[in-house]
Amino acid sequence: MDKQNNLLWTEQFFVHASDTDFRSRVKLSYLLDIMQRAADSAVSSLGLDIEKMLEARMGWMVITMKLELKRLPQPNESLTVQTWSKGNKGALWQRDYRIFDEAGHEVAAARSIWALVDIDKRKILRPSALPVTVEPYLEDSVGDLPEKVAIPEEPIMEEAYRYQVRYSGLDNNGHLNNARYVDLCCDALSLEEWEELELTGLHITYAQEATFGDEISILRTSWTDTGIYVRGQGEGRVLFEACLQLAKRETS
């Protein structure tokens, strides 16, 4: 088998009604969930599963992700996720994703930056700390390394609501799960906005990790030509910044 093909991981997922919102469209966090699951499987296939990572007190921390969305899937659809490592630049790793429907049409594509970290010291580790070699897949590319989110000075951000991290939001490292941050962003919009606007993408930068009991103030802008910007902050520190890329929904 072609070695390059071994570096491209493909996994299938099924959309259940519980994965969708009030419009019967997949929640954005579900797409991040299945991308994360596919990435975990890809790394596990190299002989480095989550259990071994935890035993070594190492973990992957996403820094920035940029996702382009062509449409939100509906219940009872089967989706295929492809993911691959594009290698590392210094201590930063790039991982790309493509998501296809049953007809083979691409519904989403994403590029992301990750760092390998010491779970206890919360320090970024060199790639040489990995006990296995993660070779890059060179046959495809979603794009260059995504830049960090830059929220413009205007319009002014206002608090939408407050959220406290509880059991349901934690991952196996004891921090707020990556996909849950996206739920926080989506919760900042009203149902009327979700009915009027069409989601076309997501750009998110994770700055600090949130842990159990942390209270997060969720701030947002009004709708702009780019979309709606969201920031999560607490105790004088910014936890994340994001842009929900939205366009006015076409009406017939």
C-alpha atoms as a PDB file:
ATOM      1  CA  MET A   1       0.000   0.000   0.000  1.00  0.00           C
ATOM      2  CA  ASP A   2       1.199   3.536  -0.793  1.00  0.00           C
ATOM      3  CA  LYS A   3       2.805   4.986   2.327  1.00  0.00           C
ATOM      4  CA  GLN A   4       1.214   8.379   1.672  1.00  0.00           C
ATOM      5  CA  ASN A   5      -2.244   6.799   1.770  1.00  0.00           C
ATOM      6  CA  ASN A   6      -1.470   5.420   5.226  1.00  0.00           C
ATOM      7  CA  LEU A   7      -0.974   8.981   6.432  1.00  0.00           C
ATOM      8  CA  LEU A   8      -4.507  10.008   5.408  1.00  0.00           C
ATOM      9  CA  TRP A   9      -7.044   8.928   8.027  1.00  0.00           C
ATOM     10  CA  THR A  10     -10.666   8.388   6.963  1.00  0.00           C
ATOM     11  CA  GLU A  11     -13.541   7.778   9.377  1.00  0.00           C
ATOM     12  CA  GLN A  12     -17.322   7.722   9.028  1.00  0.00           C
ATOM     13  CA  PHE A  13     -19.901   9.242  11.335  1.00  0.00           C
ATOM     14  CA  PHE A  14     -23.701   9.264  11.461  1.00  0.00           C
ATOM     15  CA  VAL A  15     -25.756  12.355  12.288  1.00  0.00           C
ATOM     16  CA  HIS A  16     -28.409  11.682  14.942  1.00  0.00           C
ATOM     17  CA  ALA A  17     -31.275  14.028  15.782  1.00  0.00           C
ATOM     18  CA  SER A  18     -29.552  14.827  19.085  1.00  0.00           C
ATOM     19  CA  ASP A  19     -26.612  16.255  17.110  1.00  0.00           C
ATOM     20  CA  THR A  20     -28.796  18.917  15.506  1.00  0.00           C
ATOM     21  CA  ASP A  21     -30.389  22.213  16.526  1.00  0.00           C
ATOM     22  CA  PHE A  22     -33.919  23.629  16.433  1.00  0.00           C
ATOM     23  CA  ARG A  23     -33.634  24.039  12.660  1.00  0.00           C
ATOM     24  CA  SER A  24     -32.699  20.365  12.186  1.00  0.00           C
ATOM     25  CA  ARG A  25     -29.183  21.386  11.157  1.00  0.00           C
ATOM     26  CA  VAL A  26     -26.021  19.954  12.691  1.00  0.00           C
ATOM     27  CA  LYS A  27     -24.656  21.970  15.584  1.00  0.00           C
ATOM     28  CA  LEU A  28     -21.293  23.504  14.790  1.00  0.00           C
ATOM     29  CA  SER A  29     -19.815  21.831  17.873  1.00  0.00           C
ATOM     30  CA  TYR A  30     -20.720  18.416  16.421  1.00  0.00           C
ATOM     31  CA  LEU A  31     -18.435  19.050  13.452  1.00  0.00           C
ATOM     32  CA  LEU A  32     -15.585  19.883  15.828  1.00  0.00           C
ATOM     33  CA  ASP A  33     -16.407  16.765  17.833  1.00  0.00           C
ATOM     34  CA  ILE A  34     -16.106  14.411  14.870  1.00  0.00           C
ATOM     35  CA  MET A  35     -12.959  16.124  13.628  1.00  0.00           C
ATOM     36  CA  GLN A  36     -11.428  15.657  17.082  1.00  0.00           C
ATOM     37  CA  ARG A  37     -12.490  12.023  17.185  1.00  0.00           C
ATOM     38  CA  ALA A  38     -10.988  11.386  13.750  1.00  0.00           C
ATOM     39  CA  ALA A  39      -7.736  13.086  14.778  1.00  0.00           C
ATOM     40  CA  ASP A  40      -7.582  10.968  17.946  1.00  0.00           C
ATOM     41  CA  SER A  41      -8.081   7.833  15.852  1.00  0.00           C
ATOM     42  CA  ALA A  42      -5.387   8.924  13.399  1.00  0.00           C
ATOM     43  CA  VAL A  43      -2.833   9.392  16.176  1.00  0.00           C
ATOM     44  CA  SER A  44      -3.935   6.156  17.874  1.00  0.00           C
ATOM     45  CA  SER A  45      -3.289   4.278  14.628  1.00  0.00           C
ATOM     46  CA  LEU A  46       0.366   5.290  14.983  1.00  0.00           C
ATOM     47  CA  GLY A  47       0.530   3.529  18.346  1.00  0.00           C
ATOM     48  CA  LEU A  48      -0.120   6.563  20.514  1.00  0.00           C
ATOM     49  CA  ASP A  49      -3.653   6.373  21.900  1.00  0.00           C
ATOM     50  CA  ILE A  50      -5.206   8.683  24.498  1.00  0.00           C
ATOM     51  CA  GLU A  51      -4.397   6.306  27.369  1.00  0.00           C
ATOM     52  CA  LYS A  52      -0.688   6.290  26.492  1.00  0.00           C
ATOM     53  CA  MET A  53      -0.690  10.057  26.121  1.00  0.00           C
ATOM     54  CA  LEU A  54      -2.212  10.456  29.583  1.00  0.00           C
ATOM     55  CA  GLU A  55       0.246   7.978  31.077  1.00  0.00           C
ATOM     56  CA  ALA A  56       3.093  10.057  29.632  1.00  0.00           C
ATOM     57  CA  ARG A  57       1.368  13.209  30.952  1.00  0.00           C
ATOM     58  CA  MET A  58       1.229  14.657  27.450  1.00  0.00           C
ATOM     59  CA  GLY A  59      -1.677  16.098  25.523  1.00  0.00           C
ATOM     60  CA  TRP A  60      -2.540  17.993  22.362  1.00  0.00           C
ATOM     61  CA  MET A  61      -3.691  21.593  22.711  1.00  0.00           C
ATOM     62  CA  VAL A  62      -5.413  23.311  19.815  1.00  0.00           C
ATOM     63  CA  ILE A  63      -4.350  26.922  19.352  1.00  0.00           C
ATOM     64  CA  THR A  64      -6.250  28.137  16.299  1.00  0.00           C
ATOM     65  CA  MET A  65      -8.754  26.589  13.911  1.00  0.00           C
ATOM     66  CA  LYS A  66     -10.314  27.973  10.763  1.00  0.00           C
ATOM     67  CA  LEU A  67     -13.247  26.102   9.242  1.00  0.00           C
ATOM     68  CA  GLU A  68     -14.974  26.808   5.940  1.00  0.00           C
ATOM     69  CA  LEU A  69     -18.535  25.570   5.730  1.00  0.00           C
ATOM     70  CA  LYS A  70     -20.538  24.899   2.580  1.00  0.00           C
ATOM     71  CA  ARG A  71     -23.614  23.597   4.352  1.00  0.00           C
ATOM     72  CA  LEU A  72     -24.764  22.203   7.688  1.00  0.00           C
ATOM     73  CA  PRO A  73     -25.764  18.510   7.431  1.00  0.00           C
ATOM     74  CA  GLN A  74     -29.142  17.225   8.595  1.00  0.00           C
ATOM     75  CA  PRO A  75     -30.272  14.222  10.694  1.00  0.00           C
ATOM     76  CA  ASN A  76     -29.699  10.716   9.295  1.00  0.00           C
ATOM     77  CA  GLU A  77     -26.813  11.770   7.079  1.00  0.00           C
ATOM     78  CA  SER A  78     -23.585   9.789   6.958  1.00  0.00           C
ATOM     79  CA  LEU A  79     -20.455  11.908   6.944  1.00  0.00           C
ATOM     80  CA  THR A  80     -16.880  10.988   6.080  1.00  0.00           C
ATOM     81  CA  VAL A  81     -14.048  12.837   7.787  1.00  0.00           C
ATOM     82  CA  GLN A  82     -10.582  12.872   6.298  1.00  0.00           C
ATOM     83  CA  THR A  83      -7.708  14.219   8.364  1.00  0.00           C
ATOM     84  CA  TRP A  84      -3.957  14.352   8.063  1.00  0.00           C
ATOM     85  CA  SER A  85      -0.933  15.944   9.658  1.00  0.00           C
ATOM     86  CA  LYS A  86       0.916  18.530   7.595  1.00  0.00           C
ATOM     87  CA  GLY A  87       3.909  18.246   9.870  1.00  0.00           C
ATOM     88  CA  ASN A  88       5.326  20.798  12.254  1.00  0.00           C
ATOM     89  CA  LYS A  89       6.993  24.175  12.113  1.00  0.00           C
ATOM     90  CA  GLY A  90       9.026  24.376  15.278  1.00  0.00           C
ATOM     91  CA  ALA A  91       6.764  23.449  18.181  1.00  0.00           C
ATOM     92  CA  LEU A  92       3.548  23.997  16.198  1.00  0.00           C
ATOM     93  CA  TRP A  93       1.745  21.273  14.276  1.00  0.00           C
ATOM     94  CA  GLN A  94      -0.765  21.729  11.476  1.00  0.00           C
ATOM     95  CA  ARG A  95      -3.644  19.319  10.942  1.00  0.00           C
ATOM     96  CA  ASP A  96      -6.130  19.586   8.088  1.00  0.00           C
ATOM     97  CA  TYR A  97      -9.627  18.134   7.679  1.00  0.00           C
ATOM     98  CA  ARG A  98     -12.225  17.612   4.983  1.00  0.00           C
ATOM     99  CA  ILE A  99     -15.801  16.437   5.610  1.00  0.00           C
ATOM    100  CA  PHE A 100     -17.874  14.830   2.843  1.00  0.00           C
ATOM    101  CA  ASP A 101     -21.514  13.738   2.583  1.00  0.00           C
ATOM    102  CA  GLU A 102     -22.778  10.429   1.186  1.00  0.00           C
ATOM    103  CA  ALA A 103     -22.688  11.776  -2.373  1.00  0.00           C
ATOM    104  CA  GLY A 104     -19.035  12.663  -1.979  1.00  0.00           C
ATOM    105  CA  HIS A 105     -19.683  16.403  -1.860  1.00  0.00           C
ATOM    106  CA  GLU A 106     -17.499  18.378   0.515  1.00  0.00           C
ATOM    107  CA  VAL A 107     -19.543  20.066   3.246  1.00  0.00           C
ATOM    108  CA  ALA A 108     -16.656  21.510   5.279  1.00  0.00           C
ATOM    109  CA  ALA A 109     -12.876  21.894   5.341  1.00  0.00           C
ATOM    110  CA  ALA A 110     -10.667  23.043   8.188  1.00  0.00           C
ATOM    111  CA  ARG A 111      -7.058  23.784   9.069  1.00  0.00           C
ATOM    112  CA  SER A 112      -5.754  23.941  12.595  1.00  0.00           C
ATOM    113  CA  ILE A 113      -2.655  24.616  14.687  1.00  0.00           C
ATOM    114  CA  TRP A 114      -1.802  22.344  17.620  1.00  0.00           C
ATOM    115  CA  ALA A 115       0.918  22.127  20.248  1.00  0.00           C
ATOM    116  CA  LEU A 116       2.095  19.141  22.269  1.00  0.00           C
ATOM    117  CA  VAL A 117       2.013  20.079  25.967  1.00  0.00           C
ATOM    118  CA  ASP A 118       3.075  18.761  29.338  1.00  0.00           C
ATOM    119  CA  ILE A 119      -0.273  18.283  31.112  1.00  0.00           C
ATOM    120  CA  ASP A 120       1.115  18.984  34.585  1.00  0.00           C
ATOM    121  CA  LYS A 121       3.466  21.894  33.842  1.00  0.00           C
ATOM    122  CA  ARG A 122       1.277  23.319  31.028  1.00  0.00           C
ATOM    123  CA  LYS A 123       4.380  23.871  28.931  1.00  0.00           C
ATOM    124  CA  ILE A 124       4.751  23.321  25.198  1.00  0.00           C
ATOM    125  CA  LEU A 125       6.932  20.320  24.362  1.00  0.00           C
ATOM    126  CA  ARG A 126       9.291  19.839  21.453  1.00  0.00           C
ATOM    127  CA  PRO A 127       8.180  17.387  18.737  1.00  0.00           C
ATOM    128  CA  SER A 128      11.037  15.107  19.824  1.00  0.00           C
ATOM    129  CA  ALA A 129       9.074  14.408  23.030  1.00  0.00           C
ATOM    130  CA  LEU A 130       6.685  12.227  21.027  1.00  0.00           C
ATOM    131  CA  PRO A 131       7.616   8.532  21.257  1.00  0.00           C
ATOM    132  CA  VAL A 132       6.373   7.964  17.687  1.00  0.00           C
ATOM    133  CA  THR A 133       7.047   9.705  14.396  1.00  0.00           C
ATOM    134  CA  VAL A 134       4.148  11.656  12.881  1.00  0.00           C
ATOM    135  CA  GLU A 135       4.988  12.049   9.212  1.00  0.00           C
ATOM    136  CA  PRO A 136       3.227  14.645   7.048  1.00  0.00           C
ATOM    137  CA  TYR A 137       0.736  13.802   4.323  1.00  0.00           C
ATOM    138  CA  LEU A 138       1.725  15.751   1.215  1.00  0.00           C
ATOM    139  CA  GLU A 139      -0.998  14.911  -1.299  1.00  0.00           C
ATOM    140  CA  ASP A 140      -3.553  17.485  -0.131  1.00  0.00           C
ATOM    141  CA  SER A 141      -3.729  20.820   1.673  1.00  0.00           C
ATOM    142  CA  VAL A 142      -6.627  22.951   2.895  1.00  0.00           C
ATOM    143  CA  GLY A 143      -4.319  25.976   3.151  1.00  0.00           C
ATOM    144  CA  ASP A 144      -1.522  27.618   5.073  1.00  0.00           C
ATOM    145  CA  LEU A 145      -1.277  27.856   8.844  1.00  0.00           C
ATOM    146  CA  PRO A 146      -4.304  29.873  10.010  1.00  0.00           C
ATOM    147  CA  GLU A 147      -3.593  33.186  11.697  1.00  0.00           C
ATOM    148  CA  LYS A 148      -4.934  33.992  15.139  1.00  0.00           C
ATOM    149  CA  VAL A 149      -8.310  35.719  15.374  1.00  0.00           C
ATOM    150  CA  ALA A 150      -8.030  39.515  15.417  1.00  0.00           C
ATOM    151  CA  ILE A 151     -11.171  41.224  16.725  1.00  0.00           C
ATOM    152  CA  PRO A 152     -11.620  44.723  15.251  1.00  0.00           C
ATOM    153  CA  GLU A 153     -12.074  47.724  17.551  1.00  0.00           C
ATOM    154  CA  GLU A 154     -15.483  48.432  16.066  1.00  0.00           C
ATOM    155  CA  PRO A 155     -18.240  47.559  16.673  1.00  0.00           C
ATOM    156  CA  ILE A 156     -18.079  47.575  20.473  1.00  0.00           C
ATOM    157  CA  MET A 157     -18.356  44.231  22.248  1.00  0.00           C
ATOM    158  CA  GLU A 158     -21.095  43.785  24.830  1.00  0.00           C
ATOM    159  CA  GLU A 159     -21.696  40.976  27.313  1.00  0.00           C
ATOM    160  CA  ALA A 160     -24.225  38.438  26.059  1.00  0.00           C
ATOM    161  CA  TYR A 161     -24.275  36.167  29.122  1.00  0.00           C
ATOM    162  CA  ARG A 162     -22.114  34.424  31.724  1.00  0.00           C
ATOM    163  CA  TYR A 163     -21.194  30.751  31.831  1.00  0.00           C
ATOM    164  CA  GLN A 164     -19.693  28.648  34.604  1.00  0.00           C
ATOM    165  CA  VAL A 165     -17.673  25.551  33.717  1.00  0.00           C
ATOM    166  CA  ARG A 166     -19.260  22.408  35.137  1.00  0.00           C
ATOM    167  CA  TYR A 167     -18.870  18.647  34.834  1.00  0.00           C
ATOM    168  CA  SER A 168     -20.623  18.382  31.458  1.00  0.00           C
ATOM    169  CA  GLY A 169     -18.107  20.645  29.738  1.00  0.00           C
ATOM    170  CA  LEU A 170     -14.883  18.958  30.873  1.00  0.00           C
ATOM    171  CA  ASP A 171     -12.600  16.790  28.756  1.00  0.00           C
ATOM    172  CA  ASN A 172     -10.267  14.016  29.940  1.00  0.00           C
ATOM    173  CA  ASN A 173      -7.609  16.595  30.811  1.00  0.00           C
ATOM    174  CA  GLY A 174      -9.992  18.349  33.202  1.00  0.00           C
ATOM    175  CA  HIS A 175     -10.397  21.411  30.987  1.00  0.00           C
ATOM    176  CA  LEU A 176     -13.318  22.806  29.050  1.00  0.00           C
ATOM    177  CA  ASN A 177     -13.583  20.727  25.870  1.00  0.00           C
ATOM    178  CA  ASN A 178     -12.561  22.428  22.616  1.00  0.00           C
ATOM    179  CA  ALA A 179     -15.949  21.898  21.002  1.00  0.00           C
ATOM    180  CA  ARG A 180     -17.782  23.375  23.996  1.00  0.00           C
ATOM    181  CA  TYR A 181     -16.145  26.742  23.354  1.00  0.00           C
ATOM    182  CA  VAL A 182     -17.990  26.740  20.043  1.00  0.00           C
ATOM    183  CA  ASP A 183     -21.278  26.111  21.834  1.00  0.00           C
ATOM    184  CA  LEU A 184     -20.515  29.180  23.966  1.00  0.00           C
ATOM    185  CA  CYS A 185     -20.093  31.210  20.776  1.00  0.00           C
ATOM    186  CA  CYS A 186     -23.311  29.911  19.242  1.00  0.00           C
ATOM    187  CA  ASP A 187     -25.257  30.553  22.456  1.00  0.00           C
ATOM    188  CA  ALA A 188     -24.360  34.250  22.165  1.00  0.00           C
ATOM    189  CA  LEU A 189     -26.767  34.579  19.214  1.00  0.00           C
ATOM    190  CA  SER A 190     -30.527  34.835  19.449  1.00  0.00           C
ATOM    191  CA  LEU A 191     -32.826  32.351  17.716  1.00  0.00           C
ATOM    192  CA  GLU A 192     -33.936  35.167  15.409  1.00  0.00           C
ATOM    193  CA  GLU A 193     -30.338  35.669  14.299  1.00  0.00           C
ATOM    194  CA  TRP A 194     -29.939  31.956  13.622  1.00  0.00           C
ATOM    195  CA  GLU A 195     -33.065  32.095  11.462  1.00  0.00           C
ATOM    196  CA  GLU A 196     -31.919  35.184   9.548  1.00  0.00           C
ATOM    197  CA  LEU A 197     -28.221  34.384   9.120  1.00  0.00           C
ATOM    198  CA  GLU A 198     -26.424  31.541   7.332  1.00  0.00           C
ATOM    199  CA  LEU A 199     -23.294  30.109   8.941  1.00  0.00           C
ATOM    200  CA  THR A 200     -20.411  29.933   6.456  1.00  0.00           C
ATOM    201  CA  GLY A 201     -17.423  29.336   8.696  1.00  0.00           C
ATOM    202  CA  LEU A 202     -15.669  29.544  12.028  1.00  0.00           C
ATOM    203  CA  HIS A 203     -12.372  31.076  13.067  1.00  0.00           C
ATOM    204  CA  ILE A 204     -11.375  30.508  16.691  1.00  0.00           C
ATOM    205  CA  THR A 205      -8.231  31.019  18.766  1.00  0.00           C
ATOM    206  CA  TYR A 206      -7.866  29.385  22.175  1.00  0.00           C
ATOM    207  CA  ALA A 207      -5.776  31.598  24.474  1.00  0.00           C
ATOM    208  CA  GLN A 208      -6.173  30.110  27.965  1.00  0.00           C
ATOM    209  CA  GLU A 209      -7.720  26.924  29.306  1.00  0.00           C
ATOM    210  CA  ALA A 210     -10.839  27.029  31.447  1.00  0.00           C
ATOM    211  CA  THR A 211     -11.258  24.600  34.339  1.00  0.00           C
ATOM    212  CA  PHE A 212     -14.059  23.497  36.648  1.00  0.00           C
ATOM    213  CA  GLY A 213     -15.780  26.379  38.399  1.00  0.00           C
ATOM    214  CA  ASP A 214     -14.362  29.115  36.158  1.00  0.00           C
ATOM    215  CA  GLU A 215     -16.894  31.813  35.335  1.00  0.00           C
ATOM    216  CA  ILE A 216     -16.644  33.097  31.792  1.00  0.00           C
ATOM    217  CA  SER A 217     -18.091  36.347  30.520  1.00  0.00           C
ATOM    218  CA  ILE A 218     -19.200  35.892  26.910  1.00  0.00           C
ATOM    219  CA  LEU A 219     -18.989  39.108  24.898  1.00  0.00           C
ATOM    220  CA  ARG A 220     -20.041  39.645  21.283  1.00  0.00           C
ATOM    221  CA  THR A 221     -20.324  42.247  18.582  1.00  0.00           C
ATOM    222  CA  SER A 222     -23.287  43.022  16.412  1.00  0.00           C
ATOM    223  CA  TRP A 223     -23.351  41.475  12.942  1.00  0.00           C
ATOM    224  CA  THR A 224     -20.633  42.750  10.591  1.00  0.00           C
ATOM    225  CA  ASP A 225     -19.750  41.993   6.981  1.00  0.00           C
ATOM    226  CA  THR A 226     -17.357  39.349   8.316  1.00  0.00           C
ATOM    227  CA  GLY A 227     -19.705  37.876  10.873  1.00  0.00           C
ATOM    228  CA  ILE A 228     -20.147  38.093  14.625  1.00  0.00           C
ATOM    229  CA  TYR A 229     -17.076  38.236  16.855  1.00  0.00           C
ATOM    230  CA  VAL A 230     -17.164  36.545  20.251  1.00  0.00           C
ATOM    231  CA  ARG A 231     -14.750  36.700  23.175  1.00  0.00           C
ATOM    232  CA  GLY A 232     -14.693  34.680  26.382  1.00  0.00           C
ATOM    233  CA  GLN A 233     -12.911  36.223  29.328  1.00  0.00           C
ATOM    234  CA  GLY A 234     -12.706  35.845  33.079  1.00  0.00           C
ATOM    235  CA  GLU A 235     -10.632  37.109  35.973  1.00  0.00           C
ATOM    236  CA  GLY A 236      -8.736  39.551  33.812  1.00  0.00           C
ATOM    237  CA  ARG A 237      -7.681  37.022  31.177  1.00  0.00           C
ATOM    238  CA  VAL A 238      -8.928  36.264  27.684  1.00  0.00           C
ATOM    239  CA  LEU A 239      -9.800  32.592  27.239  1.00  0.00           C
ATOM    240  CA  PHE A 240     -10.753  32.580  23.568  1.00  0.00           C
ATOM    241  CA  GLU A 241     -11.635  34.809  20.640  1.00  0.00           C
ATOM    242  CA  ALA A 242     -13.702  33.727  17.678  1.00  0.00           C
ATOM    243  CA  CYS A 243     -15.567  34.829  14.616  1.00  0.00           C
ATOM    244  CA  LEU A 244     -18.779  33.112  13.564  1.00  0.00           C
ATOM    245  CA  GLN A 245     -18.743  33.823   9.860  1.00  0.00           C
ATOM    246  CA  LEU A 246     -22.340  34.550   8.859  1.00  0.00           C
ATOM    247  CA  ALA A 247     -24.119  35.806   5.794  1.00  0.00           C
ATOM    248  CA  LYS A 248     -27.628  37.058   5.337  1.00  0.00           C
ATOM    249  CA  ARG A 249     -29.885  34.162   4.474  1.00  0.00           C
ATOM    250  CA  GLU A 250     -31.308  34.318   0.973  1.00  0.00           C
ATOM    251  CA  THR A 251     -35.097  34.522   0.869  1.00  0.00           C
ATOM    252  CA  SER A 252     -37.186  33.363  -2.061  1.00  0.00           C
END
